[in-house]
Amino acid sequence: MKKLSTLFAVFGFLFMGAANAADITLYYSPSCPHCHHARDFFTSRIVYEYPDLRIVQINVMDRANLPAFQEALKKCEYDSGGVPVIVVGDKCFQGYADFMQQELRDAVEVGMSQDQKDTAAENKKALDDNADEFRKSHANRQGKITEYNAAAQNAANDDATQNEKKNSPASPVYFYILLIVLVAALAFVLVRKDKKKK
């Protein structure tokens, strides 16, 4: 029993340690001014404040992305299809205004350690002091922002599936099994013919 509780404690520690900043998914429209303000806040502030944060932007005007947006609306229990819709971990926001910035930060920090929160506070202060210099010295953080494209994702998944089928280790096995069965059948037919001749 003691070993079992130790095992659960280790797994609990691992999961708590893996809980970094909550990732952000931003559903936006290119023609929406509030979306532009939200995107600017995430790409010029939040991504620099939280080094472990990942941001996925999804353009809802791209028809291929609509199923993902509809799924988010369902998850968030929103009746309106208004944008931006911001999903931070398990928390949802519809719309954006500057007064929401601290609430968004609080949602990002759910599950973070105190050290991670302290780092974020230091980064925020450094951005407030000299944003251009801080962004320049941490330019790699822009790599944490991705634009989701369902059509490209589906094509990549299709390619991966095709490659998996081609490179599947089971394919040669089936080929050799089929070959053995055919050779055995041919041998059976030939032996049977030979017996009939005698």
N, C-alpha and C. Protein backbone atom coordinates (compact mmCIF):
# COMPACT_ATOMS: atom_id res chain seq x y z
N MET A 1 0.83 -1.19 0.00
CA MET A 1 0.00 0.00 0.00
C MET A 1 0.88 1.25 0.00
N LYS A 2 1.98 1.19 0.74
CA LYS A 2 2.88 2.34 0.81
C LYS A 2 3.50 2.61 -0.55
N LYS A 3 3.86 1.54 -1.28
CA LYS A 3 4.44 1.71 -2.62
C LYS A 3 3.44 2.39 -3.55
N LEU A 4 2.16 2.01 -3.43
CA LEU A 4 1.12 2.57 -4.29
C LEU A 4 0.95 4.06 -4.01
N SER A 5 0.93 4.45 -2.73
CA SER A 5 0.77 5.87 -2.41
C SER A 5 1.99 6.67 -2.84
N THR A 6 3.18 6.06 -2.77
CA THR A 6 4.40 6.73 -3.24
C THR A 6 4.33 6.94 -4.75
N LEU A 7 3.83 5.92 -5.46
CA LEU A 7 3.70 6.02 -6.91
C LEU A 7 2.74 7.15 -7.28
N PHE A 8 1.59 7.22 -6.59
CA PHE A 8 0.64 8.30 -6.86
C PHE A 8 1.26 9.66 -6.55
N ALA A 9 2.04 9.75 -5.50
CA ALA A 9 2.69 11.01 -5.14
C ALA A 9 3.66 11.44 -6.23
N VAL A 10 4.43 10.48 -6.77
CA VAL A 10 5.39 10.79 -7.85
C VAL A 10 4.64 11.28 -9.09
N PHE A 11 3.55 10.56 -9.46
CA PHE A 11 2.77 10.98 -10.63
C PHE A 11 2.14 12.35 -10.39
N GLY A 12 1.65 12.58 -9.20
CA GLY A 12 1.07 13.89 -8.88
C GLY A 12 2.10 14.99 -9.01
N PHE A 13 3.31 14.75 -8.52
CA PHE A 13 4.38 15.73 -8.63
C PHE A 13 4.72 15.99 -10.09
N LEU A 14 4.80 14.92 -10.89
CA LEU A 14 5.11 15.09 -12.30
C LEU A 14 4.05 15.92 -13.01
N PHE A 15 2.78 15.64 -12.71
CA PHE A 15 1.72 16.40 -13.36
C PHE A 15 1.72 17.84 -12.89
N MET A 16 1.98 18.08 -11.62
CA MET A 16 2.05 19.45 -11.13
C MET A 16 3.23 20.17 -11.75
N GLY A 17 4.34 19.48 -11.90
CA GLY A 17 5.51 20.08 -12.52
C GLY A 17 5.29 20.37 -13.99
N ALA A 18 4.46 19.56 -14.63
CA ALA A 18 4.19 19.76 -16.04
C ALA A 18 3.20 20.88 -16.27
N ALA A 19 2.51 21.31 -15.22
CA ALA A 19 1.52 22.37 -15.37
C ALA A 19 2.23 23.71 -15.45
N ASN A 20 2.49 24.15 -16.64
CA ASN A 20 3.10 25.45 -16.86
C ASN A 20 1.99 26.45 -17.11
N ALA A 21 2.32 27.51 -17.79
CA ALA A 21 1.32 28.49 -18.14
C ALA A 21 0.25 27.84 -19.01
N ALA A 22 -1.00 28.24 -18.78
CA ALA A 22 -2.08 27.73 -19.61
C ALA A 22 -1.92 28.30 -21.01
N ASP A 23 -2.06 27.46 -22.02
CA ASP A 23 -1.94 27.93 -23.39
C ASP A 23 -3.17 28.74 -23.78
N ILE A 24 -2.99 29.59 -24.79
CA ILE A 24 -4.07 30.46 -25.26
C ILE A 24 -4.43 30.09 -26.68
N THR A 25 -5.72 29.98 -26.94
CA THR A 25 -6.22 29.85 -28.31
C THR A 25 -7.10 31.06 -28.56
N LEU A 26 -6.78 31.78 -29.62
CA LEU A 26 -7.50 33.00 -29.97
C LEU A 26 -8.22 32.79 -31.29
N TYR A 27 -9.54 32.83 -31.26
CA TYR A 27 -10.37 32.75 -32.46
C TYR A 27 -10.66 34.19 -32.87
N TYR A 28 -10.30 34.57 -34.09
CA TYR A 28 -10.39 35.96 -34.50
C TYR A 28 -10.87 36.07 -35.95
N SER A 29 -11.27 37.28 -36.30
CA SER A 29 -11.58 37.63 -37.68
C SER A 29 -10.66 38.78 -38.07
N PRO A 30 -10.08 38.75 -39.27
CA PRO A 30 -9.19 39.83 -39.68
C PRO A 30 -9.87 41.20 -39.73
N SER A 31 -11.19 41.22 -39.86
CA SER A 31 -11.90 42.50 -39.97
C SER A 31 -12.41 43.02 -38.63
N CYS A 32 -12.11 42.32 -37.55
CA CYS A 32 -12.62 42.68 -36.22
C CYS A 32 -11.59 43.53 -35.46
N PRO A 33 -11.95 44.79 -35.12
CA PRO A 33 -10.98 45.65 -34.42
C PRO A 33 -10.61 45.13 -33.02
N HIS A 34 -11.59 44.55 -32.31
CA HIS A 34 -11.28 44.02 -30.96
C HIS A 34 -10.31 42.84 -31.06
N CYS A 35 -10.43 42.08 -32.16
CA CYS A 35 -9.51 40.96 -32.39
C CYS A 35 -8.09 41.48 -32.58
N HIS A 36 -7.96 42.56 -33.32
CA HIS A 36 -6.62 43.15 -33.54
C HIS A 36 -6.00 43.58 -32.22
N HIS A 37 -6.82 44.19 -31.35
CA HIS A 37 -6.29 44.62 -30.05
C HIS A 37 -5.88 43.41 -29.20
N ALA A 38 -6.70 42.36 -29.22
CA ALA A 38 -6.36 41.14 -28.46
C ALA A 38 -5.08 40.52 -29.00
N ARG A 39 -4.99 40.40 -30.32
CA ARG A 39 -3.78 39.81 -30.93
C ARG A 39 -2.54 40.63 -30.57
N ASP A 40 -2.68 41.94 -30.60
CA ASP A 40 -1.54 42.80 -30.26
C ASP A 40 -1.12 42.58 -28.80
N PHE A 41 -2.08 42.47 -27.91
CA PHE A 41 -1.77 42.24 -26.49
C PHE A 41 -1.03 40.92 -26.31
N PHE A 42 -1.51 39.88 -26.97
CA PHE A 42 -0.88 38.56 -26.82
C PHE A 42 0.50 38.51 -27.46
N THR A 43 0.64 39.11 -28.64
CA THR A 43 1.91 38.98 -29.37
C THR A 43 2.97 40.00 -28.94
N SER A 44 2.55 41.09 -28.32
CA SER A 44 3.54 42.07 -27.91
C SER A 44 3.76 42.12 -26.40
N ARG A 45 2.89 41.47 -25.63
CA ARG A 45 3.05 41.48 -24.18
C ARG A 45 3.08 40.08 -23.57
N ILE A 46 1.96 39.38 -23.65
CA ILE A 46 1.80 38.11 -22.93
C ILE A 46 2.85 37.07 -23.32
N VAL A 47 3.12 36.94 -24.60
CA VAL A 47 4.08 35.91 -25.02
C VAL A 47 5.48 36.21 -24.47
N TYR A 48 5.76 37.47 -24.19
CA TYR A 48 7.06 37.84 -23.61
C TYR A 48 7.06 37.70 -22.09
N GLU A 49 5.92 37.90 -21.47
CA GLU A 49 5.85 37.80 -20.02
C GLU A 49 5.95 36.35 -19.54
N TYR A 50 5.38 35.42 -20.31
CA TYR A 50 5.32 34.01 -19.90
C TYR A 50 6.13 33.16 -20.88
N PRO A 51 7.35 32.80 -20.54
CA PRO A 51 8.22 32.09 -21.47
C PRO A 51 7.71 30.72 -21.91
N ASP A 52 6.88 30.06 -21.10
CA ASP A 52 6.39 28.72 -21.45
C ASP A 52 5.07 28.74 -22.20
N LEU A 53 4.51 29.90 -22.38
CA LEU A 53 3.19 30.05 -23.00
C LEU A 53 3.25 29.82 -24.50
N ARG A 54 2.22 29.12 -24.99
CA ARG A 54 2.04 28.97 -26.45
C ARG A 54 0.71 29.61 -26.82
N ILE A 55 0.70 30.30 -27.96
CA ILE A 55 -0.52 30.96 -28.43
C ILE A 55 -0.85 30.43 -29.82
N VAL A 56 -2.08 29.97 -29.98
CA VAL A 56 -2.55 29.50 -31.28
C VAL A 56 -3.64 30.46 -31.73
N GLN A 57 -3.46 31.04 -32.91
CA GLN A 57 -4.44 31.95 -33.48
C GLN A 57 -5.21 31.22 -34.59
N ILE A 58 -6.53 31.36 -34.57
CA ILE A 58 -7.36 30.68 -35.56
C ILE A 58 -8.29 31.70 -36.23
N ASN A 59 -8.10 31.87 -37.52
CA ASN A 59 -8.91 32.79 -38.31
C ASN A 59 -10.25 32.13 -38.63
N VAL A 60 -11.33 32.64 -38.05
CA VAL A 60 -12.64 32.02 -38.23
C VAL A 60 -13.24 32.33 -39.59
N MET A 61 -12.64 33.24 -40.34
CA MET A 61 -13.14 33.54 -41.68
C MET A 61 -12.69 32.48 -42.69
N ASP A 62 -11.73 31.68 -42.31
CA ASP A 62 -11.30 30.56 -43.14
C ASP A 62 -12.29 29.42 -42.88
N ARG A 63 -13.05 29.05 -43.91
CA ARG A 63 -14.11 28.03 -43.75
C ARG A 63 -13.58 26.73 -43.15
N ALA A 64 -12.36 26.37 -43.48
CA ALA A 64 -11.80 25.13 -42.95
C ALA A 64 -11.65 25.17 -41.43
N ASN A 65 -11.55 26.37 -40.87
CA ASN A 65 -11.38 26.52 -39.42
C ASN A 65 -12.70 26.60 -38.66
N LEU A 66 -13.82 26.68 -39.36
CA LEU A 66 -15.11 26.83 -38.70
C LEU A 66 -15.45 25.68 -37.74
N PRO A 67 -15.17 24.41 -38.09
CA PRO A 67 -15.48 23.35 -37.11
C PRO A 67 -14.75 23.54 -35.78
N ALA A 68 -13.50 23.99 -35.82
CA ALA A 68 -12.76 24.23 -34.58
C ALA A 68 -13.41 25.37 -33.79
N PHE A 69 -13.84 26.41 -34.49
CA PHE A 69 -14.50 27.54 -33.83
C PHE A 69 -15.84 27.11 -33.22
N GLN A 70 -16.61 26.33 -33.96
CA GLN A 70 -17.90 25.86 -33.45
C GLN A 70 -17.71 24.96 -32.23
N GLU A 71 -16.66 24.17 -32.24
CA GLU A 71 -16.35 23.32 -31.08
C GLU A 71 -16.00 24.18 -29.87
N ALA A 72 -15.26 25.27 -30.09
CA ALA A 72 -14.91 26.18 -28.99
C ALA A 72 -16.16 26.86 -28.45
N LEU A 73 -17.05 27.30 -29.33
CA LEU A 73 -18.30 27.94 -28.88
C LEU A 73 -19.12 26.97 -28.04
N LYS A 74 -19.15 25.72 -28.47
CA LYS A 74 -19.89 24.70 -27.72
C LYS A 74 -19.25 24.47 -26.36
N LYS A 75 -17.91 24.33 -26.34
CA LYS A 75 -17.18 24.10 -25.09
C LYS A 75 -17.40 25.26 -24.12
N CYS A 76 -17.37 26.47 -24.66
CA CYS A 76 -17.50 27.67 -23.83
C CYS A 76 -18.95 28.01 -23.51
N GLU A 77 -19.87 27.28 -24.14
CA GLU A 77 -21.30 27.51 -23.95
C GLU A 77 -21.71 28.91 -24.36
N TYR A 78 -21.18 29.37 -25.51
CA TYR A 78 -21.54 30.67 -26.06
C TYR A 78 -22.57 30.46 -27.16
N ASP A 79 -23.65 31.24 -27.11
CA ASP A 79 -24.68 31.18 -28.14
C ASP A 79 -24.30 32.06 -29.33
N SER A 80 -23.60 33.12 -29.05
CA SER A 80 -23.21 34.08 -30.08
C SER A 80 -21.90 33.64 -30.72
N GLY A 81 -21.77 33.88 -32.01
CA GLY A 81 -20.53 33.55 -32.71
C GLY A 81 -19.61 34.75 -32.80
N GLY A 82 -19.77 35.71 -31.89
CA GLY A 82 -18.93 36.90 -31.91
C GLY A 82 -17.49 36.59 -31.57
N VAL A 83 -16.60 37.37 -32.15
CA VAL A 83 -15.17 37.22 -31.90
C VAL A 83 -14.63 38.53 -31.34
N PRO A 84 -13.52 38.50 -30.68
CA PRO A 84 -12.68 37.33 -30.45
C PRO A 84 -13.26 36.41 -29.37
N VAL A 85 -12.94 35.14 -29.52
CA VAL A 85 -13.16 34.17 -28.45
C VAL A 85 -11.76 33.73 -28.03
N ILE A 86 -11.50 33.86 -26.75
CA ILE A 86 -10.18 33.56 -26.20
C ILE A 86 -10.35 32.40 -25.22
N VAL A 87 -9.61 31.33 -25.45
CA VAL A 87 -9.65 30.18 -24.55
C VAL A 87 -8.29 30.07 -23.89
N VAL A 88 -8.28 30.21 -22.58
CA VAL A 88 -7.05 30.14 -21.80
C VAL A 88 -7.20 28.96 -20.85
N GLY A 89 -6.52 27.86 -21.19
CA GLY A 89 -6.70 26.65 -20.40
C GLY A 89 -8.15 26.21 -20.47
N ASP A 90 -8.84 26.19 -19.33
CA ASP A 90 -10.25 25.82 -19.28
C ASP A 90 -11.18 27.02 -19.21
N LYS A 91 -10.63 28.22 -19.25
CA LYS A 91 -11.44 29.42 -19.09
C LYS A 91 -11.66 30.09 -20.45
N CYS A 92 -12.88 30.59 -20.66
CA CYS A 92 -13.24 31.21 -21.93
C CYS A 92 -13.58 32.69 -21.74
N PHE A 93 -13.26 33.47 -22.75
CA PHE A 93 -13.58 34.90 -22.79
C PHE A 93 -14.13 35.20 -24.17
N GLN A 94 -15.18 36.01 -24.23
CA GLN A 94 -15.68 36.45 -25.53
C GLN A 94 -15.61 37.96 -25.55
N GLY A 95 -14.94 38.48 -26.57
CA GLY A 95 -14.70 39.91 -26.64
C GLY A 95 -13.34 40.23 -26.04
N TYR A 96 -12.93 41.47 -26.22
CA TYR A 96 -11.66 41.90 -25.64
C TYR A 96 -11.71 43.40 -25.39
N ALA A 97 -11.19 43.80 -24.24
CA ALA A 97 -10.97 45.20 -23.89
C ALA A 97 -9.77 45.23 -22.97
N ASP A 98 -9.09 46.37 -22.92
CA ASP A 98 -7.87 46.48 -22.12
C ASP A 98 -8.08 46.14 -20.64
N PHE A 99 -9.29 46.42 -20.11
CA PHE A 99 -9.53 46.13 -18.69
C PHE A 99 -9.49 44.63 -18.39
N MET A 100 -9.51 43.78 -19.42
CA MET A 100 -9.49 42.32 -19.23
C MET A 100 -8.06 41.77 -19.07
N GLN A 101 -7.05 42.59 -19.27
CA GLN A 101 -5.67 42.10 -19.32
C GLN A 101 -5.26 41.35 -18.05
N GLN A 102 -5.59 41.87 -16.89
CA GLN A 102 -5.19 41.18 -15.65
C GLN A 102 -5.96 39.87 -15.48
N GLU A 103 -7.22 39.87 -15.87
CA GLU A 103 -8.01 38.64 -15.78
C GLU A 103 -7.44 37.57 -16.71
N LEU A 104 -6.97 37.97 -17.88
CA LEU A 104 -6.34 37.04 -18.80
C LEU A 104 -5.02 36.52 -18.22
N ARG A 105 -4.25 37.41 -17.61
CA ARG A 105 -3.00 36.99 -16.96
C ARG A 105 -3.29 35.98 -15.84
N ASP A 106 -4.32 36.27 -15.05
CA ASP A 106 -4.68 35.37 -13.95
C ASP A 106 -5.05 33.99 -14.50
N ALA A 107 -5.76 33.95 -15.62
CA ALA A 107 -6.14 32.67 -16.23
C ALA A 107 -4.91 31.92 -16.72
N VAL A 108 -3.95 32.65 -17.27
CA VAL A 108 -2.70 32.03 -17.75
C VAL A 108 -1.93 31.43 -16.58
N GLU A 109 -1.98 32.08 -15.43
CA GLU A 109 -1.17 31.66 -14.28
C GLU A 109 -1.75 30.50 -13.48
N VAL A 110 -2.95 30.05 -13.83
CA VAL A 110 -3.54 28.91 -13.12
C VAL A 110 -2.61 27.71 -13.28
N GLY A 111 -2.23 27.11 -12.18
CA GLY A 111 -1.37 25.93 -12.21
C GLY A 111 0.12 26.24 -12.30
N MET A 112 0.48 27.51 -12.32
CA MET A 112 1.90 27.86 -12.38
C MET A 112 2.51 27.85 -10.99
N SER A 113 3.80 27.58 -10.94
CA SER A 113 4.52 27.65 -9.67
C SER A 113 4.77 29.11 -9.32
N GLN A 114 5.13 29.35 -8.07
CA GLN A 114 5.43 30.72 -7.65
C GLN A 114 6.64 31.27 -8.40
N ASP A 115 7.63 30.42 -8.68
CA ASP A 115 8.80 30.86 -9.45
C ASP A 115 8.39 31.34 -10.85
N GLN A 116 7.48 30.61 -11.49
CA GLN A 116 7.02 31.00 -12.82
C GLN A 116 6.26 32.32 -12.76
N LYS A 117 5.46 32.50 -11.72
CA LYS A 117 4.73 33.76 -11.56
C LYS A 117 5.70 34.92 -11.32
N ASP A 118 6.74 34.67 -10.52
CA ASP A 118 7.74 35.70 -10.25
C ASP A 118 8.48 36.08 -11.52
N THR A 119 8.82 35.08 -12.33
CA THR A 119 9.49 35.34 -13.61
C THR A 119 8.59 36.20 -14.50
N ALA A 120 7.31 35.86 -14.55
CA ALA A 120 6.37 36.64 -15.36
C ALA A 120 6.30 38.09 -14.87
N ALA A 121 6.27 38.28 -13.56
CA ALA A 121 6.23 39.64 -13.00
C ALA A 121 7.49 40.42 -13.36
N GLU A 122 8.65 39.74 -13.30
CA GLU A 122 9.92 40.39 -13.68
C GLU A 122 9.91 40.76 -15.16
N ASN A 123 9.40 39.85 -15.99
CA ASN A 123 9.34 40.11 -17.43
C ASN A 123 8.39 41.27 -17.73
N LYS A 124 7.27 41.32 -17.02
CA LYS A 124 6.31 42.41 -17.21
C LYS A 124 6.95 43.75 -16.85
N LYS A 125 7.69 43.76 -15.74
CA LYS A 125 8.37 45.00 -15.33
C LYS A 125 9.42 45.41 -16.37
N ALA A 126 10.17 44.44 -16.87
CA ALA A 126 11.19 44.74 -17.89
C ALA A 126 10.53 45.28 -19.16
N LEU A 127 9.38 44.73 -19.53
CA LEU A 127 8.64 45.25 -20.70
C LEU A 127 8.17 46.67 -20.45
N ASP A 128 7.68 46.93 -19.24
CA ASP A 128 7.23 48.28 -18.90
C ASP A 128 8.38 49.28 -18.94
N ASP A 129 9.57 48.83 -18.52
CA ASP A 129 10.73 49.72 -18.49
C ASP A 129 11.29 50.01 -19.87
N ASN A 130 11.43 48.96 -20.71
CA ASN A 130 11.99 49.14 -22.05
C ASN A 130 11.51 48.00 -22.95
N ALA A 131 10.32 48.16 -23.47
CA ALA A 131 9.68 47.09 -24.24
C ALA A 131 10.48 46.69 -25.47
N ASP A 132 10.97 47.68 -26.21
CA ASP A 132 11.70 47.37 -27.45
C ASP A 132 12.94 46.54 -27.18
N GLU A 133 13.70 46.92 -26.18
CA GLU A 133 14.93 46.20 -25.84
C GLU A 133 14.62 44.77 -25.37
N PHE A 134 13.60 44.65 -24.52
CA PHE A 134 13.23 43.33 -24.01
C PHE A 134 12.78 42.43 -25.14
N ARG A 135 11.94 42.95 -26.03
CA ARG A 135 11.45 42.14 -27.16
C ARG A 135 12.60 41.74 -28.07
N LYS A 136 13.52 42.65 -28.29
CA LYS A 136 14.66 42.34 -29.16
C LYS A 136 15.52 41.23 -28.55
N SER A 137 15.74 41.27 -27.25
CA SER A 137 16.57 40.26 -26.62
C SER A 137 15.84 38.93 -26.41
N HIS A 138 14.53 38.92 -26.60
CA HIS A 138 13.74 37.70 -26.46
C HIS A 138 12.91 37.43 -27.73
N ALA A 139 13.48 37.74 -28.86
CA ALA A 139 12.77 37.61 -30.14
C ALA A 139 12.32 36.18 -30.42
N ASN A 140 13.02 35.21 -29.85
CA ASN A 140 12.66 33.80 -30.08
C ASN A 140 11.27 33.46 -29.56
N ARG A 141 10.72 34.26 -28.67
CA ARG A 141 9.40 33.97 -28.12
C ARG A 141 8.29 34.13 -29.15
N GLN A 142 8.56 34.86 -30.23
CA GLN A 142 7.56 34.95 -31.30
C GLN A 142 7.30 33.58 -31.92
N GLY A 143 8.26 32.68 -31.78
CA GLY A 143 8.09 31.32 -32.28
C GLY A 143 7.04 30.52 -31.51
N LYS A 144 6.61 31.04 -30.37
CA LYS A 144 5.57 30.38 -29.56
C LYS A 144 4.17 30.72 -30.07
N ILE A 145 4.09 31.58 -31.09
CA ILE A 145 2.80 31.98 -31.65
C ILE A 145 2.64 31.27 -32.98
N THR A 146 1.56 30.54 -33.12
CA THR A 146 1.32 29.83 -34.38
C THR A 146 -0.06 30.18 -34.92
N GLU A 147 -0.16 30.14 -36.23
CA GLU A 147 -1.43 30.36 -36.91
C GLU A 147 -1.95 29.00 -37.33
N TYR A 148 -3.11 28.63 -36.82
CA TYR A 148 -3.71 27.33 -37.13
C TYR A 148 -4.44 27.43 -38.46
N ASN A 149 -4.23 26.42 -39.29
CA ASN A 149 -4.92 26.34 -40.57
C ASN A 149 -5.41 24.90 -40.70
N ALA A 150 -6.73 24.71 -40.58
CA ALA A 150 -7.30 23.36 -40.59
C ALA A 150 -7.00 22.64 -41.90
N ALA A 151 -7.09 23.36 -43.03
CA ALA A 151 -6.84 22.72 -44.32
C ALA A 151 -5.42 22.19 -44.40
N ALA A 152 -4.44 23.00 -43.98
CA ALA A 152 -3.04 22.56 -43.99
C ALA A 152 -2.83 21.44 -42.99
N GLN A 153 -3.49 21.54 -41.83
CA GLN A 153 -3.36 20.50 -40.81
C GLN A 153 -3.91 19.18 -41.31
N ASN A 154 -5.08 19.23 -41.98
CA ASN A 154 -5.68 18.01 -42.53
C ASN A 154 -4.80 17.40 -43.61
N ALA A 155 -4.22 18.27 -44.47
CA ALA A 155 -3.32 17.77 -45.52
C ALA A 155 -2.08 17.12 -44.90
N ALA A 156 -1.54 17.75 -43.86
CA ALA A 156 -0.37 17.18 -43.18
C ALA A 156 -0.72 15.85 -42.53
N ASN A 157 -1.91 15.78 -41.92
CA ASN A 157 -2.35 14.52 -41.31
C ASN A 157 -2.53 13.44 -42.36
N ASP A 158 -3.10 13.80 -43.53
CA ASP A 158 -3.27 12.84 -44.62
C ASP A 158 -1.92 12.33 -45.10
N ASP A 159 -0.95 13.27 -45.27
CA ASP A 159 0.39 12.87 -45.70
C ASP A 159 1.03 11.94 -44.67
N ALA A 160 0.86 12.27 -43.40
CA ALA A 160 1.45 11.44 -42.34
C ALA A 160 0.82 10.05 -42.34
N THR A 161 -0.48 10.00 -42.58
CA THR A 161 -1.17 8.70 -42.62
C THR A 161 -0.67 7.88 -43.80
N GLN A 162 -0.51 8.52 -44.96
CA GLN A 162 -0.01 7.82 -46.13
C GLN A 162 1.41 7.31 -45.90
N ASN A 163 2.26 8.16 -45.33
CA ASN A 163 3.64 7.74 -45.03
C ASN A 163 3.67 6.62 -44.02
N GLU A 164 2.77 6.70 -43.04
CA GLU A 164 2.71 5.65 -42.03
C GLU A 164 2.32 4.32 -42.67
N LYS A 165 1.37 4.38 -43.61
CA LYS A 165 0.96 3.15 -44.29
C LYS A 165 2.10 2.60 -45.13
N LYS A 166 2.82 3.49 -45.82
CA LYS A 166 3.93 3.05 -46.66
C LYS A 166 5.06 2.47 -45.83
N ASN A 167 5.33 3.11 -44.70
CA ASN A 167 6.46 2.72 -43.87
C ASN A 167 6.08 1.78 -42.75
N SER A 168 4.85 1.33 -42.75
CA SER A 168 4.39 0.46 -41.68
C SER A 168 5.17 -0.85 -41.70
N PRO A 169 5.70 -1.28 -40.55
CA PRO A 169 6.44 -2.53 -40.50
C PRO A 169 5.54 -3.73 -40.78
N ALA A 170 4.24 -3.56 -40.63
CA ALA A 170 3.32 -4.67 -40.87
C ALA A 170 3.20 -4.97 -42.36
N SER A 171 3.39 -3.98 -43.22
CA SER A 171 3.22 -4.18 -44.66
C SER A 171 4.13 -5.29 -45.20
N PRO A 172 5.45 -5.28 -44.92
CA PRO A 172 6.28 -6.38 -45.41
C PRO A 172 5.89 -7.73 -44.80
N VAL A 173 5.44 -7.73 -43.57
CA VAL A 173 5.03 -8.97 -42.93
C VAL A 173 3.86 -9.57 -43.69
N TYR A 174 2.86 -8.75 -44.00
CA TYR A 174 1.71 -9.24 -44.76
C TYR A 174 2.13 -9.74 -46.13
N PHE A 175 3.05 -9.04 -46.75
CA PHE A 175 3.54 -9.46 -48.06
C PHE A 175 4.17 -10.85 -47.98
N TYR A 176 5.02 -11.06 -46.98
CA TYR A 176 5.69 -12.35 -46.86
C TYR A 176 4.71 -13.46 -46.47
N ILE A 177 3.75 -13.14 -45.65
CA ILE A 177 2.73 -14.14 -45.30
C ILE A 177 1.96 -14.54 -46.54
N LEU A 178 1.55 -13.54 -47.33
CA LEU A 178 0.83 -13.82 -48.56
C LEU A 178 1.69 -14.63 -49.52
N LEU A 179 2.97 -14.29 -49.61
CA LEU A 179 3.90 -15.02 -50.48
C LEU A 179 4.02 -16.48 -50.04
N ILE A 180 4.14 -16.71 -48.76
CA ILE A 180 4.25 -18.08 -48.22
C ILE A 180 2.97 -18.86 -48.51
N VAL A 181 1.83 -18.22 -48.32
CA VAL A 181 0.55 -18.90 -48.59
C VAL A 181 0.46 -19.26 -50.07
N LEU A 182 0.85 -18.33 -50.95
CA LEU A 182 0.80 -18.61 -52.39
C LEU A 182 1.75 -19.74 -52.78
N VAL A 183 2.96 -19.72 -52.23
CA VAL A 183 3.94 -20.78 -52.54
C VAL A 183 3.42 -22.12 -52.02
N ALA A 184 2.84 -22.13 -50.83
CA ALA A 184 2.28 -23.37 -50.27
C ALA A 184 1.13 -23.87 -51.14
N ALA A 185 0.27 -22.94 -51.60
CA ALA A 185 -0.84 -23.34 -52.45
C ALA A 185 -0.33 -23.89 -53.78
N LEU A 186 0.67 -23.24 -54.35
CA LEU A 186 1.26 -23.71 -55.61
C LEU A 186 1.89 -25.09 -55.41
N ALA A 187 2.60 -25.27 -54.30
CA ALA A 187 3.22 -26.57 -54.02
C ALA A 187 2.14 -27.64 -53.86
N PHE A 188 1.06 -27.30 -53.19
CA PHE A 188 -0.04 -28.24 -53.00
C PHE A 188 -0.63 -28.65 -54.34
N VAL A 189 -0.84 -27.67 -55.22
CA VAL A 189 -1.40 -27.96 -56.55
C VAL A 189 -0.44 -28.83 -57.35
N LEU A 190 0.84 -28.50 -57.32
CA LEU A 190 1.83 -29.26 -58.08
C LEU A 190 1.95 -30.70 -57.55
N VAL A 191 1.96 -30.87 -56.25
CA VAL A 191 2.05 -32.20 -55.66
C VAL A 191 0.80 -33.00 -56.02
N ARG A 192 -0.33 -32.37 -55.97
CA ARG A 192 -1.58 -33.04 -56.29
C ARG A 192 -1.60 -33.48 -57.76
N LYS A 193 -1.14 -32.60 -58.67
CA LYS A 193 -1.04 -32.94 -60.09
C LYS A 193 -0.11 -34.11 -60.29
N ASP A 194 1.01 -34.07 -59.59
CA ASP A 194 2.02 -35.12 -59.71
C ASP A 194 1.45 -36.46 -59.25
N LYS A 195 0.64 -36.48 -58.18
CA LYS A 195 0.03 -37.71 -57.69
C LYS A 195 -0.99 -38.25 -58.68
N LYS A 196 -1.73 -37.34 -59.35
CA LYS A 196 -2.73 -37.76 -60.32
C LYS A 196 -2.05 -38.42 -61.52
N LYS A 197 -0.87 -37.92 -61.91
CA LYS A 197 -0.14 -38.49 -63.05
C LYS A 197 0.33 -39.90 -62.76
N LYS A 198 0.63 -40.23 -61.53
CA LYS A 198 1.17 -41.52 -61.16
C LYS A 198 0.07 -42.45 -60.97
